[in-house]
N, C-alpha and C. Protein backbone atom coordinates (compact mmCIF):
# COMPACT_ATOMS: atom_id res chain seq x y z
N MET A 1 155.26 50.37 88.64
CA MET A 1 154.58 49.09 88.65
C MET A 1 154.34 48.67 87.20
N SER A 2 154.69 47.47 86.84
CA SER A 2 154.56 47.02 85.46
C SER A 2 153.16 46.50 85.18
N GLN A 3 152.78 46.59 83.92
CA GLN A 3 151.48 46.09 83.48
C GLN A 3 151.55 44.58 83.36
N PRO A 4 150.44 43.87 83.68
CA PRO A 4 150.44 42.42 83.53
C PRO A 4 150.55 42.03 82.06
N THR A 5 151.19 40.94 81.79
CA THR A 5 151.34 40.47 80.42
C THR A 5 150.21 39.49 80.08
N GLU A 6 150.00 39.27 78.80
CA GLU A 6 148.94 38.38 78.36
C GLU A 6 149.28 36.91 78.62
N THR A 7 150.54 36.62 78.98
CA THR A 7 150.93 35.23 79.22
C THR A 7 151.00 34.89 80.70
N GLU A 8 150.72 35.86 81.57
CA GLU A 8 150.80 35.58 83.00
C GLU A 8 149.72 34.58 83.42
N PHE A 9 149.98 33.90 84.52
CA PHE A 9 149.04 32.91 85.05
C PHE A 9 147.88 33.62 85.72
N VAL A 10 146.66 33.19 85.40
CA VAL A 10 145.45 33.70 86.04
C VAL A 10 144.75 32.50 86.65
N GLN A 11 144.51 32.56 87.95
CA GLN A 11 143.89 31.46 88.69
C GLN A 11 142.47 31.21 88.21
N SER A 12 142.13 29.96 88.02
CA SER A 12 140.78 29.57 87.61
C SER A 12 139.78 29.90 88.72
N PRO A 13 138.57 30.30 88.35
CA PRO A 13 137.55 30.56 89.36
C PRO A 13 136.89 29.30 89.91
N CYS A 14 137.29 28.14 89.45
CA CYS A 14 136.71 26.88 89.90
C CYS A 14 136.89 26.73 91.41
N VAL A 15 135.79 26.35 92.08
CA VAL A 15 135.83 26.13 93.53
C VAL A 15 135.51 24.69 93.87
N SER A 16 135.61 23.81 92.87
CA SER A 16 135.37 22.37 93.01
C SER A 16 133.96 22.03 93.48
N VAL A 17 133.01 22.86 93.11
CA VAL A 17 131.59 22.58 93.32
C VAL A 17 130.99 22.55 91.91
N CYS A 18 131.27 21.48 91.22
CA CYS A 18 130.96 21.40 89.79
C CYS A 18 129.60 20.78 89.56
N LYS A 19 128.59 21.63 89.55
CA LYS A 19 127.22 21.18 89.30
C LYS A 19 126.51 22.29 88.54
N LEU A 20 125.84 21.89 87.46
CA LEU A 20 125.12 22.86 86.65
C LEU A 20 123.74 23.12 87.22
N THR A 21 123.23 24.32 86.94
CA THR A 21 121.85 24.63 87.31
C THR A 21 120.93 23.70 86.55
N ALA A 22 119.68 23.60 86.98
CA ALA A 22 118.71 22.70 86.35
C ALA A 22 118.56 22.97 84.86
N ASP A 23 118.65 24.24 84.47
CA ASP A 23 118.53 24.58 83.05
C ASP A 23 119.87 24.52 82.31
N ARG A 24 120.91 24.08 83.01
CA ARG A 24 122.26 23.93 82.47
C ARG A 24 122.84 25.26 81.97
N ALA A 25 122.37 26.36 82.58
CA ALA A 25 122.83 27.68 82.17
C ALA A 25 124.25 27.98 82.65
N TYR A 26 124.57 27.57 83.88
CA TYR A 26 125.89 27.83 84.44
C TYR A 26 126.17 26.91 85.62
N CYS A 27 127.43 26.88 86.04
CA CYS A 27 127.87 26.08 87.19
C CYS A 27 127.49 26.82 88.47
N ILE A 28 126.93 26.11 89.43
CA ILE A 28 126.55 26.77 90.69
C ILE A 28 127.76 27.13 91.54
N GLY A 29 128.90 26.51 91.27
CA GLY A 29 130.10 26.80 92.05
C GLY A 29 130.83 28.05 91.58
N CYS A 30 131.09 28.13 90.28
CA CYS A 30 131.90 29.24 89.77
C CYS A 30 131.12 30.23 88.91
N LEU A 31 129.87 29.92 88.61
CA LEU A 31 128.97 30.76 87.82
C LEU A 31 129.37 30.87 86.34
N ARG A 32 130.28 30.01 85.89
CA ARG A 32 130.63 30.03 84.47
C ARG A 32 129.67 29.16 83.67
N THR A 33 129.50 29.53 82.39
CA THR A 33 128.73 28.69 81.48
C THR A 33 129.61 27.53 81.04
N LEU A 34 129.00 26.53 80.42
CA LEU A 34 129.79 25.41 79.91
C LEU A 34 130.82 25.89 78.89
N GLU A 35 130.43 26.81 78.02
CA GLU A 35 131.37 27.34 77.03
C GLU A 35 132.55 28.02 77.71
N GLU A 36 132.29 28.78 78.76
CA GLU A 36 133.37 29.46 79.48
C GLU A 36 134.28 28.47 80.18
N ILE A 37 133.70 27.42 80.74
CA ILE A 37 134.51 26.40 81.41
C ILE A 37 135.41 25.70 80.38
N ARG A 38 134.82 25.29 79.27
CA ARG A 38 135.60 24.62 78.22
C ARG A 38 136.66 25.53 77.62
N GLY A 39 136.33 26.80 77.47
CA GLY A 39 137.23 27.73 76.80
C GLY A 39 138.34 28.28 77.67
N TRP A 40 138.26 28.10 79.00
CA TRP A 40 139.23 28.71 79.92
C TRP A 40 140.67 28.42 79.51
N LYS A 41 140.97 27.18 79.18
CA LYS A 41 142.37 26.82 78.89
C LYS A 41 142.87 27.44 77.58
N HIS A 42 141.96 27.94 76.77
CA HIS A 42 142.35 28.55 75.49
C HIS A 42 142.37 30.07 75.55
N MET A 43 141.92 30.65 76.66
CA MET A 43 141.88 32.11 76.81
C MET A 43 143.25 32.64 77.19
N ASP A 44 143.54 33.85 76.73
CA ASP A 44 144.77 34.50 77.19
C ASP A 44 144.45 35.19 78.52
N ALA A 45 145.47 35.73 79.16
CA ALA A 45 145.31 36.31 80.50
C ALA A 45 144.29 37.45 80.50
N GLY A 46 144.28 38.26 79.47
CA GLY A 46 143.33 39.37 79.39
C GLY A 46 141.90 38.88 79.32
N GLN A 47 141.66 37.85 78.53
CA GLN A 47 140.32 37.28 78.42
C GLN A 47 139.89 36.67 79.75
N LYS A 48 140.82 36.02 80.43
CA LYS A 48 140.50 35.42 81.72
C LYS A 48 140.16 36.48 82.75
N ARG A 49 140.92 37.57 82.78
CA ARG A 49 140.62 38.66 83.72
C ARG A 49 139.26 39.29 83.41
N ALA A 50 138.94 39.43 82.14
CA ALA A 50 137.64 39.98 81.75
C ALA A 50 136.51 39.06 82.21
N LEU A 51 136.70 37.76 82.05
CA LEU A 51 135.69 36.80 82.50
C LEU A 51 135.54 36.86 84.02
N LEU A 52 136.65 36.96 84.73
CA LEU A 52 136.58 37.05 86.20
C LEU A 52 135.79 38.28 86.63
N ALA A 53 135.94 39.39 85.91
CA ALA A 53 135.17 40.60 86.21
C ALA A 53 133.69 40.35 85.95
N ASP A 54 133.37 39.66 84.85
CA ASP A 54 131.98 39.32 84.55
C ASP A 54 131.40 38.43 85.65
N LEU A 55 132.20 37.49 86.14
CA LEU A 55 131.72 36.59 87.18
C LEU A 55 131.40 37.34 88.46
N GLU A 56 132.20 38.37 88.77
CA GLU A 56 131.91 39.19 89.95
C GLU A 56 130.56 39.87 89.80
N ASN A 57 130.27 40.37 88.58
CA ASN A 57 128.98 41.01 88.32
C ASN A 57 127.85 40.00 88.43
N ARG A 58 128.05 38.78 87.93
CA ARG A 58 127.02 37.75 88.03
C ARG A 58 126.74 37.41 89.49
N GLN A 59 127.82 37.33 90.27
CA GLN A 59 127.66 37.00 91.69
C GLN A 59 126.88 38.10 92.40
N SER A 60 127.19 39.35 92.09
CA SER A 60 126.47 40.47 92.69
C SER A 60 125.01 40.45 92.29
N ALA A 61 124.73 40.19 91.03
CA ALA A 61 123.35 40.14 90.54
C ALA A 61 122.58 38.98 91.17
N ALA A 62 123.25 37.86 91.37
CA ALA A 62 122.60 36.69 91.97
C ALA A 62 122.28 36.93 93.44
N ALA A 63 123.07 37.77 94.10
CA ALA A 63 122.87 38.04 95.52
C ALA A 63 121.71 38.99 95.77
N GLU A 64 121.27 39.70 94.73
CA GLU A 64 120.18 40.68 94.90
C GLU A 64 118.83 40.02 94.98
């Protein structure tokens, strides 16, 4: 099995529920910060995968 390359396509976590929390800390749909949303198109595949892992942790923490 080959390792993923840094140029491979990584699906955006956007779920088209684009609304920020009252304190503008993050999007209630995808849990990304404004900086993360803006920076997505400039991230390489490794950075995107790392962010997706962080988002999973945020989702788990929010569910507690």
